[in-house]
Amino acid sequence: MSNLNYLKTNVKKITALSLIIFCCALLTNCGGTKFVKFPEKENEVYPSSNLKSFLKDNKNPKVVLRIPSSKNEVTTRDNRSYLYDAIEKELLKNGFIVRDRQLFSQVLSNTDNSADYSKLKERTDTDLIIELSKLNTEVLYETNKYKTSKGKEGLLHYIYKRYGAEVEFKIIMMKDNEFAGTYTFNYSPCGKYPCEINSEFRKNWNQAQKGKKEFEKIEKDHLSEFIQTATQQLVNSMRK
């Protein structure tokens, strides 16, 4: 009889343990909430010494933002004027005198020798051209790694894909017709705004794998924030 009671007790314990394990697997948070972890891409900063010297002597340089035309890599297919405005506002906040880019483009198109920036400087009273040479909002990131809210890391049983972004600036010193630096900044998805692996996450990913939905892109407000941060990093690197 005692053996029978012992057996019943063990069965109950095993059943309870199995139920706990099942619940943990079902809720996927027994070891903490899981978040996708993408690798970070390093920024690339290559300023010229002449640019740094110029900015040390000129705390409020006169600049113009040159944006890509529809024929360039970055097209006007999407309305990105809010991003261009965000760049100019950030430059103004940092003491730059920002010229009207449309008027500058008009002068540039009307000049006989547009390649001679020293002459263009006299016509526009501008020191630097900050060219937005690349803005790619569909940089595909891939990972099979995740981390938990408890600091542990693990591997997913699939490769998860999501879009990040890349922005590149080129600087031209007009007085000397000098290409004075290039700056590339990257936005890794699920970084500042973690991507929790939950039921909605799995639903969206399953639809993307079946071709019923695109890979998730950067939200508009997150993209605007990235551009503002990249512009601030640009300014800091130029003046460093």
C-alpha atoms as a PDB file:
ATOM      1  CA  MET A   1       0.000   0.000   0.000  1.00  0.00           C
ATOM      2  CA  SER A   2       2.828   2.340   0.847  1.00  0.00           C
ATOM      3  CA  ASN A   3       4.425   1.585  -2.518  1.00  0.00           C
ATOM      4  CA  LEU A   4       1.194   2.520  -4.261  1.00  0.00           C
ATOM      5  CA  ASN A   5       1.007   5.856  -2.407  1.00  0.00           C
ATOM      6  CA  TYR A   6       4.650   6.500  -3.251  1.00  0.00           C
ATOM      7  CA  LEU A   7       3.938   5.824  -6.911  1.00  0.00           C
ATOM      8  CA  LYS A   8       0.907   8.127  -6.916  1.00  0.00           C
ATOM      9  CA  THR A   9       2.922  10.896  -5.292  1.00  0.00           C
ATOM     10  CA  ASN A  10       5.698  10.620  -7.899  1.00  0.00           C
ATOM     11  CA  VAL A  11       3.169  10.611 -10.737  1.00  0.00           C
ATOM     12  CA  LYS A  12       1.673  13.839  -9.407  1.00  0.00           C
ATOM     13  CA  LYS A  13       5.116  15.436  -9.154  1.00  0.00           C
ATOM     14  CA  ILE A  14       6.044  14.386 -12.667  1.00  0.00           C
ATOM     15  CA  THR A  15       2.709  15.642 -14.007  1.00  0.00           C
ATOM     16  CA  ALA A  16       3.119  18.991 -12.247  1.00  0.00           C
ATOM     17  CA  LEU A  17       6.701  19.344 -13.515  1.00  0.00           C
ATOM     18  CA  SER A  18       5.636  18.475 -17.055  1.00  0.00           C
ATOM     19  CA  LEU A  19       2.876  21.091 -16.846  1.00  0.00           C
ATOM     20  CA  ILE A  20       5.344  23.743 -15.719  1.00  0.00           C
ATOM     21  CA  ILE A  21       7.742  22.894 -18.535  1.00  0.00           C
ATOM     22  CA  PHE A  22       4.888  22.992 -21.040  1.00  0.00           C
ATOM     23  CA  CYS A  23       3.706  26.378 -19.788  1.00  0.00           C
ATOM     24  CA  CYS A  24       7.226  27.785 -19.987  1.00  0.00           C
ATOM     25  CA  ALA A  25       7.614  26.565 -23.547  1.00  0.00           C
ATOM     26  CA  LEU A  26       4.187  27.925 -24.471  1.00  0.00           C
ATOM     27  CA  LEU A  27       4.747  31.362 -23.014  1.00  0.00           C
ATOM     28  CA  THR A  28       8.442  31.476 -24.099  1.00  0.00           C
ATOM     29  CA  ASN A  29       9.310  33.712 -21.155  1.00  0.00           C
ATOM     30  CA  CYS A  30      10.391  31.196 -18.570  1.00  0.00           C
ATOM     31  CA  GLY A  31      13.954  32.384 -19.096  1.00  0.00           C
ATOM     32  CA  GLY A  32      12.904  35.986 -19.744  1.00  0.00           C
ATOM     33  CA  THR A  33      11.332  37.810 -22.681  1.00  0.00           C
ATOM     34  CA  LYS A  34      13.174  37.183 -25.959  1.00  0.00           C
ATOM     35  CA  PHE A  35      14.338  39.931 -28.338  1.00  0.00           C
ATOM     36  CA  VAL A  36      15.952  39.718 -31.764  1.00  0.00           C
ATOM     37  CA  LYS A  37      19.620  40.690 -31.800  1.00  0.00           C
ATOM     38  CA  PHE A  38      21.108  42.085 -35.033  1.00  0.00           C
ATOM     39  CA  PRO A  39      24.838  42.717 -35.573  1.00  0.00           C
ATOM     40  CA  GLU A  40      25.888  46.376 -35.527  1.00  0.00           C
ATOM     41  CA  LYS A  41      27.617  47.945 -38.520  1.00  0.00           C
ATOM     42  CA  GLU A  42      30.410  50.401 -37.817  1.00  0.00           C
ATOM     43  CA  ASN A  43      30.148  53.972 -39.056  1.00  0.00           C
ATOM     44  CA  GLU A  44      32.786  55.148 -41.519  1.00  0.00           C
ATOM     45  CA  VAL A  45      34.224  58.627 -40.977  1.00  0.00           C
ATOM     46  CA  TYR A  46      36.934  60.103 -43.207  1.00  0.00           C
ATOM     47  CA  PRO A  47      37.368  63.865 -42.680  1.00  0.00           C
ATOM     48  CA  SER A  48      40.159  65.941 -44.156  1.00  0.00           C
ATOM     49  CA  SER A  49      42.580  67.904 -41.995  1.00  0.00           C
ATOM     50  CA  ASN A  50      41.796  71.057 -44.006  1.00  0.00           C
ATOM     51  CA  LEU A  51      38.116  70.768 -43.114  1.00  0.00           C
ATOM     52  CA  LYS A  52      38.888  70.460 -39.422  1.00  0.00           C
ATOM     53  CA  SER A  53      41.180  73.502 -39.569  1.00  0.00           C
ATOM     54  CA  PHE A  54      38.548  75.504 -41.416  1.00  0.00           C
ATOM     55  CA  LEU A  55      35.862  74.720 -38.848  1.00  0.00           C
ATOM     56  CA  LYS A  56      38.151  75.623 -35.964  1.00  0.00           C
ATOM     57  CA  ASP A  57      38.493  79.107 -37.429  1.00  0.00           C
ATOM     58  CA  ASN A  58      34.878  79.354 -38.624  1.00  0.00           C
ATOM     59  CA  LYS A  59      32.365  78.514 -35.909  1.00  0.00           C
ATOM     60  CA  ASN A  60      29.359  79.479 -38.051  1.00  0.00           C
ATOM     61  CA  PRO A  61      30.120  78.276 -41.583  1.00  0.00           C
ATOM     62  CA  LYS A  62      27.706  78.924 -44.429  1.00  0.00           C
ATOM     63  CA  VAL A  63      26.512  75.606 -45.830  1.00  0.00           C
ATOM     64  CA  VAL A  64      24.024  74.222 -48.292  1.00  0.00           C
ATOM     65  CA  LEU A  65      22.497  70.754 -48.326  1.00  0.00           C
ATOM     66  CA  ARG A  66      22.600  69.140 -51.738  1.00  0.00           C
ATOM     67  CA  ILE A  67      20.072  66.360 -52.160  1.00  0.00           C
ATOM     68  CA  PRO A  68      20.023  63.632 -54.826  1.00  0.00           C
ATOM     69  CA  SER A  69      18.094  64.152 -58.015  1.00  0.00           C
ATOM     70  CA  SER A  70      15.555  61.618 -59.279  1.00  0.00           C
ATOM     71  CA  LYS A  71      18.218  60.115 -61.551  1.00  0.00           C
ATOM     72  CA  ASN A  72      20.546  59.309 -58.672  1.00  0.00           C
ATOM     73  CA  GLU A  73      20.551  56.283 -56.403  1.00  0.00           C
ATOM     74  CA  VAL A  74      18.201  57.981 -53.994  1.00  0.00           C
ATOM     75  CA  THR A  75      15.031  58.765 -55.902  1.00  0.00           C
ATOM     76  CA  THR A  76      12.123  61.065 -55.299  1.00  0.00           C
ATOM     77  CA  ARG A  77       9.748  58.117 -55.431  1.00  0.00           C
ATOM     78  CA  ASP A  78       9.028  58.608 -51.735  1.00  0.00           C
ATOM     79  CA  ASN A  79       8.446  61.981 -50.153  1.00  0.00           C
ATOM     80  CA  ARG A  80      11.576  62.522 -48.115  1.00  0.00           C
ATOM     81  CA  SER A  81      11.403  66.265 -47.693  1.00  0.00           C
ATOM     82  CA  TYR A  82      10.818  65.816 -43.956  1.00  0.00           C
ATOM     83  CA  LEU A  83      14.216  64.106 -43.741  1.00  0.00           C
ATOM     84  CA  TYR A  84      15.959  66.912 -45.625  1.00  0.00           C
ATOM     85  CA  ASP A  85      14.296  69.422 -43.313  1.00  0.00           C
ATOM     86  CA  ALA A  86      15.465  67.411 -40.294  1.00  0.00           C
ATOM     87  CA  ILE A  87      19.080  67.601 -41.510  1.00  0.00           C
ATOM     88  CA  GLU A  88      18.909  71.364 -42.036  1.00  0.00           C
ATOM     89  CA  LYS A  89      17.297  71.937 -38.637  1.00  0.00           C
ATOM     90  CA  GLU A  90      20.040  69.952 -36.951  1.00  0.00           C
ATOM     91  CA  LEU A  91      22.679  72.006 -38.762  1.00  0.00           C
ATOM     92  CA  LEU A  92      20.991  75.227 -37.654  1.00  0.00           C
ATOM     93  CA  LYS A  93      20.916  73.995 -34.051  1.00  0.00           C
ATOM     94  CA  ASN A  94      24.688  73.554 -34.255  1.00  0.00           C
ATOM     95  CA  GLY A  95      25.397  77.088 -35.431  1.00  0.00           C
ATOM     96  CA  PHE A  96      25.629  76.534 -39.177  1.00  0.00           C
ATOM     97  CA  ILE A  97      24.196  79.153 -41.507  1.00  0.00           C
ATOM     98  CA  VAL A  98      22.064  77.143 -43.917  1.00  0.00           C
ATOM     99  CA  ARG A  99      21.477  78.408 -47.448  1.00  0.00           C
ATOM    100  CA  ASP A 100      18.289  77.709 -49.395  1.00  0.00           C
ATOM    101  CA  ARG A 101      18.993  74.520 -51.334  1.00  0.00           C
ATOM    102  CA  GLN A 102      16.500  75.278 -54.111  1.00  0.00           C
ATOM    103  CA  LEU A 103      18.014  78.692 -54.835  1.00  0.00           C
ATOM    104  CA  PHE A 104      21.477  77.143 -54.744  1.00  0.00           C
ATOM    105  CA  SER A 105      20.425  74.480 -57.258  1.00  0.00           C
ATOM    106  CA  GLN A 106      18.992  77.168 -59.508  1.00  0.00           C
ATOM    107  CA  VAL A 107      22.246  79.128 -59.453  1.00  0.00           C
ATOM    108  CA  LEU A 108      24.173  75.918 -60.067  1.00  0.00           C
ATOM    109  CA  SER A 109      22.070  75.041 -63.104  1.00  0.00           C
ATOM    110  CA  ASN A 110      22.426  78.548 -64.563  1.00  0.00           C
ATOM    111  CA  THR A 111      26.171  78.870 -64.158  1.00  0.00           C
ATOM    112  CA  ASP A 112      28.453  78.280 -67.140  1.00  0.00           C
ATOM    113  CA  ASN A 113      31.150  76.539 -65.135  1.00  0.00           C
ATOM    114  CA  SER A 114      29.385  74.615 -62.405  1.00  0.00           C
ATOM    115  CA  ALA A 115      32.453  72.464 -61.692  1.00  0.00           C
ATOM    116  CA  ASP A 116      34.407  75.479 -60.438  1.00  0.00           C
ATOM    117  CA  TYR A 117      33.128  75.733 -56.884  1.00  0.00           C
ATOM    118  CA  SER A 118      35.372  78.689 -56.068  1.00  0.00           C
ATOM    119  CA  LYS A 119      33.410  80.826 -58.544  1.00  0.00           C
ATOM    120  CA  LEU A 120      30.139  79.379 -57.308  1.00  0.00           C
ATOM    121  CA  LYS A 121      31.135  80.353 -53.771  1.00  0.00           C
ATOM    122  CA  GLU A 122      31.276  84.009 -54.837  1.00  0.00           C
ATOM    123  CA  ARG A 123      27.824  83.836 -56.377  1.00  0.00           C
ATOM    124  CA  THR A 124      26.156  82.054 -53.465  1.00  0.00           C
ATOM    125  CA  ASP A 125      28.259  83.204 -50.487  1.00  0.00           C
ATOM    126  CA  THR A 126      28.555  79.599 -49.317  1.00  0.00           C
ATOM    127  CA  ASP A 127      31.520  77.855 -47.675  1.00  0.00           C
ATOM    128  CA  LEU A 128      30.598  74.188 -47.685  1.00  0.00           C
ATOM    129  CA  ILE A 129      28.402  71.849 -49.655  1.00  0.00           C
ATOM    130  CA  ILE A 130      27.033  69.011 -47.537  1.00  0.00           C
ATOM    131  CA  GLU A 131      25.927  66.468 -50.084  1.00  0.00           C
ATOM    132  CA  LEU A 132      23.507  63.720 -49.155  1.00  0.00           C
ATOM    133  CA  SER A 133      25.096  61.208 -51.494  1.00  0.00           C
ATOM    134  CA  LYS A 134      23.242  58.125 -50.272  1.00  0.00           C
ATOM    135  CA  LEU A 135      20.119  57.366 -48.273  1.00  0.00           C
ATOM    136  CA  ASN A 136      19.213  53.694 -48.365  1.00  0.00           C
ATOM    137  CA  THR A 137      16.278  52.683 -46.174  1.00  0.00           C
ATOM    138  CA  GLU A 138      16.233  49.071 -47.376  1.00  0.00           C
ATOM    139  CA  VAL A 139      19.519  47.687 -46.069  1.00  0.00           C
ATOM    140  CA  LEU A 140      18.664  44.067 -45.323  1.00  0.00           C
ATOM    141  CA  TYR A 141      19.851  42.727 -41.963  1.00  0.00           C
ATOM    142  CA  GLU A 142      19.797  39.004 -41.117  1.00  0.00           C
ATOM    143  CA  THR A 143      20.200  37.147 -37.845  1.00  0.00           C
ATOM    144  CA  ASN A 144      19.352  33.946 -36.038  1.00  0.00           C
ATOM    145  CA  LYS A 145      20.354  35.292 -32.632  1.00  0.00           C
ATOM    146  CA  TYR A 146      18.235  36.509 -29.770  1.00  0.00           C
ATOM    147  CA  LYS A 147      18.812  37.815 -26.272  1.00  0.00           C
ATOM    148  CA  THR A 148      16.552  37.704 -23.252  1.00  0.00           C
ATOM    149  CA  SER A 149      15.541  40.288 -20.700  1.00  0.00           C
ATOM    150  CA  LYS A 150      17.708  38.343 -18.254  1.00  0.00           C
ATOM    151  CA  GLY A 151      20.828  38.845 -20.354  1.00  0.00           C
ATOM    152  CA  LYS A 152      21.055  35.368 -21.862  1.00  0.00           C
ATOM    153  CA  GLU A 153      21.645  34.728 -25.563  1.00  0.00           C
ATOM    154  CA  GLY A 154      20.482  31.948 -27.861  1.00  0.00           C
ATOM    155  CA  LEU A 155      19.799  30.886 -31.437  1.00  0.00           C
ATOM    156  CA  LEU A 156      16.525  30.927 -33.351  1.00  0.00           C
ATOM    157  CA  HIS A 157      15.616  27.972 -35.553  1.00  0.00           C
ATOM    158  CA  TYR A 158      15.294  30.318 -38.538  1.00  0.00           C
ATOM    159  CA  ILE A 159      17.007  33.349 -40.106  1.00  0.00           C
ATOM    160  CA  TYR A 160      15.075  36.537 -39.339  1.00  0.00           C
ATOM    161  CA  LYS A 161      15.330  39.454 -41.786  1.00  0.00           C
ATOM    162  CA  ARG A 162      14.449  43.110 -41.353  1.00  0.00           C
ATOM    163  CA  TYR A 163      15.374  46.415 -43.023  1.00  0.00           C
ATOM    164  CA  GLY A 164      17.846  48.884 -41.574  1.00  0.00           C
ATOM    165  CA  ALA A 165      19.239  52.075 -43.122  1.00  0.00           C
ATOM    166  CA  GLU A 166      22.419  53.779 -44.274  1.00  0.00           C
ATOM    167  CA  VAL A 167      23.114  57.455 -44.888  1.00  0.00           C
ATOM    168  CA  GLU A 168      26.223  58.941 -46.477  1.00  0.00           C
ATOM    169  CA  PHE A 169      27.371  62.570 -46.543  1.00  0.00           C
ATOM    170  CA  LYS A 170      30.124  64.102 -48.654  1.00  0.00           C
ATOM    171  CA  ILE A 171      31.660  67.474 -47.868  1.00  0.00           C
ATOM    172  CA  ILE A 172      33.034  69.938 -50.429  1.00  0.00           C
ATOM    173  CA  MET A 173      35.032  73.042 -49.488  1.00  0.00           C
ATOM    174  CA  MET A 174      34.034  75.490 -52.187  1.00  0.00           C
ATOM    175  CA  LYS A 175      36.857  77.992 -51.845  1.00  0.00           C
ATOM    176  CA  ASP A 176      39.511  75.419 -52.710  1.00  0.00           C
ATOM    177  CA  ASN A 177      37.392  73.079 -54.865  1.00  0.00           C
ATOM    178  CA  GLU A 178      38.300  70.379 -52.360  1.00  0.00           C
ATOM    179  CA  PHE A 179      36.538  67.130 -51.584  1.00  0.00           C
ATOM    180  CA  ALA A 180      36.903  67.346 -47.818  1.00  0.00           C
ATOM    181  CA  GLY A 181      35.455  64.188 -46.349  1.00  0.00           C
ATOM    182  CA  THR A 182      32.934  61.391 -46.454  1.00  0.00           C
ATOM    183  CA  TYR A 183      30.781  60.159 -43.573  1.00  0.00           C
ATOM    184  CA  THR A 184      28.641  57.016 -43.489  1.00  0.00           C
ATOM    185  CA  PHE A 185      26.249  56.206 -40.643  1.00  0.00           C
ATOM    186  CA  ASN A 186      24.231  53.026 -40.149  1.00  0.00           C
ATOM    187  CA  TYR A 187      20.909  52.184 -38.545  1.00  0.00           C
ATOM    188  CA  SER A 188      20.666  48.647 -37.202  1.00  0.00           C
ATOM    189  CA  PRO A 189      17.065  47.464 -36.685  1.00  0.00           C
ATOM    190  CA  CYS A 190      15.854  46.343 -33.259  1.00  0.00           C
ATOM    191  CA  GLY A 191      18.614  48.313 -31.540  1.00  0.00           C
ATOM    192  CA  LYS A 192      17.225  51.290 -29.685  1.00  0.00           C
ATOM    193  CA  TYR A 193      13.714  49.930 -30.161  1.00  0.00           C
ATOM    194  CA  PRO A 194      13.921  46.186 -29.339  1.00  0.00           C
ATOM    195  CA  CYS A 195      11.917  43.670 -31.383  1.00  0.00           C
ATOM    196  CA  GLU A 196      10.200  41.341 -28.955  1.00  0.00           C
ATOM    197  CA  ILE A 197       9.612  37.789 -30.154  1.00  0.00           C
ATOM    198  CA  ASN A 198       5.913  37.420 -29.439  1.00  0.00           C
ATOM    199  CA  SER A 199       2.812  36.175 -31.265  1.00  0.00           C
ATOM    200  CA  GLU A 200       2.558  39.323 -33.417  1.00  0.00           C
ATOM    201  CA  PHE A 201       6.244  39.035 -34.305  1.00  0.00           C
ATOM    202  CA  ARG A 202       5.806  35.407 -35.419  1.00  0.00           C
ATOM    203  CA  LYS A 203       2.674  36.243 -37.388  1.00  0.00           C
ATOM    204  CA  ASN A 204       4.403  39.027 -39.350  1.00  0.00           C
ATOM    205  CA  TRP A 205       7.473  36.904 -39.995  1.00  0.00           C
ATOM    206  CA  ASN A 206       5.430  33.927 -41.232  1.00  0.00           C
ATOM    207  CA  GLN A 207       3.591  36.210 -43.658  1.00  0.00           C
ATOM    208  CA  ALA A 208       6.903  37.659 -44.901  1.00  0.00           C
ATOM    209  CA  GLN A 209       8.326  34.165 -45.470  1.00  0.00           C
ATOM    210  CA  LYS A 210       5.265  33.214 -47.513  1.00  0.00           C
ATOM    211  CA  GLY A 211       5.576  36.370 -49.617  1.00  0.00           C
ATOM    212  CA  LYS A 212       2.331  37.799 -48.300  1.00  0.00           C
ATOM    213  CA  LYS A 213       4.097  40.732 -46.657  1.00  0.00           C
ATOM    214  CA  GLU A 214       7.346  42.654 -47.132  1.00  0.00           C
ATOM    215  CA  PHE A 215      10.136  42.508 -44.612  1.00  0.00           C
ATOM    216  CA  GLU A 216       9.436  45.109 -41.963  1.00  0.00           C
ATOM    217  CA  LYS A 217      10.795  48.576 -42.730  1.00  0.00           C
ATOM    218  CA  ILE A 218      11.834  51.407 -40.443  1.00  0.00           C
ATOM    219  CA  GLU A 219       8.963  53.423 -39.050  1.00  0.00           C
ATOM    220  CA  LYS A 220       8.823  57.029 -40.232  1.00  0.00           C
ATOM    221  CA  ASP A 221       9.484  58.579 -36.828  1.00  0.00           C
ATOM    222  CA  HIS A 222      12.377  56.180 -36.167  1.00  0.00           C
ATOM    223  CA  LEU A 223      13.913  57.056 -39.552  1.00  0.00           C
ATOM    224  CA  SER A 224      13.605  60.769 -38.812  1.00  0.00           C
ATOM    225  CA  GLU A 225      15.285  60.251 -35.438  1.00  0.00           C
ATOM    226  CA  PHE A 226      18.102  58.300 -37.089  1.00  0.00           C
ATOM    227  CA  ILE A 227      18.707  61.097 -39.616  1.00  0.00           C
ATOM    228  CA  GLN A 228      18.824  63.692 -36.829  1.00  0.00           C
ATOM    229  CA  THR A 229      21.283  61.565 -34.866  1.00  0.00           C
ATOM    230  CA  ALA A 230      23.420  60.943 -37.956  1.00  0.00           C
ATOM    231  CA  THR A 231      23.549  64.689 -38.688  1.00  0.00           C
ATOM    232  CA  GLN A 232      24.652  65.388 -35.118  1.00  0.00           C
ATOM    233  CA  GLN A 233      27.330  62.717 -35.456  1.00  0.00           C
ATOM    234  CA  LEU A 234      28.390  64.346 -38.718  1.00  0.00           C
ATOM    235  CA  VAL A 235      28.796  67.722 -37.042  1.00  0.00           C
ATOM    236  CA  ASN A 236      30.696  66.236 -34.112  1.00  0.00           C
ATOM    237  CA  SER A 237      33.059  64.374 -36.437  1.00  0.00           C
ATOM    238  CA  MET A 238      33.680  67.435 -38.603  1.00  0.00           C
ATOM    239  CA  ARG A 239      34.543  69.574 -35.585  1.00  0.00           C
ATOM    240  CA  LYS A 240      36.443  66.931 -33.611  1.00  0.00           C
END
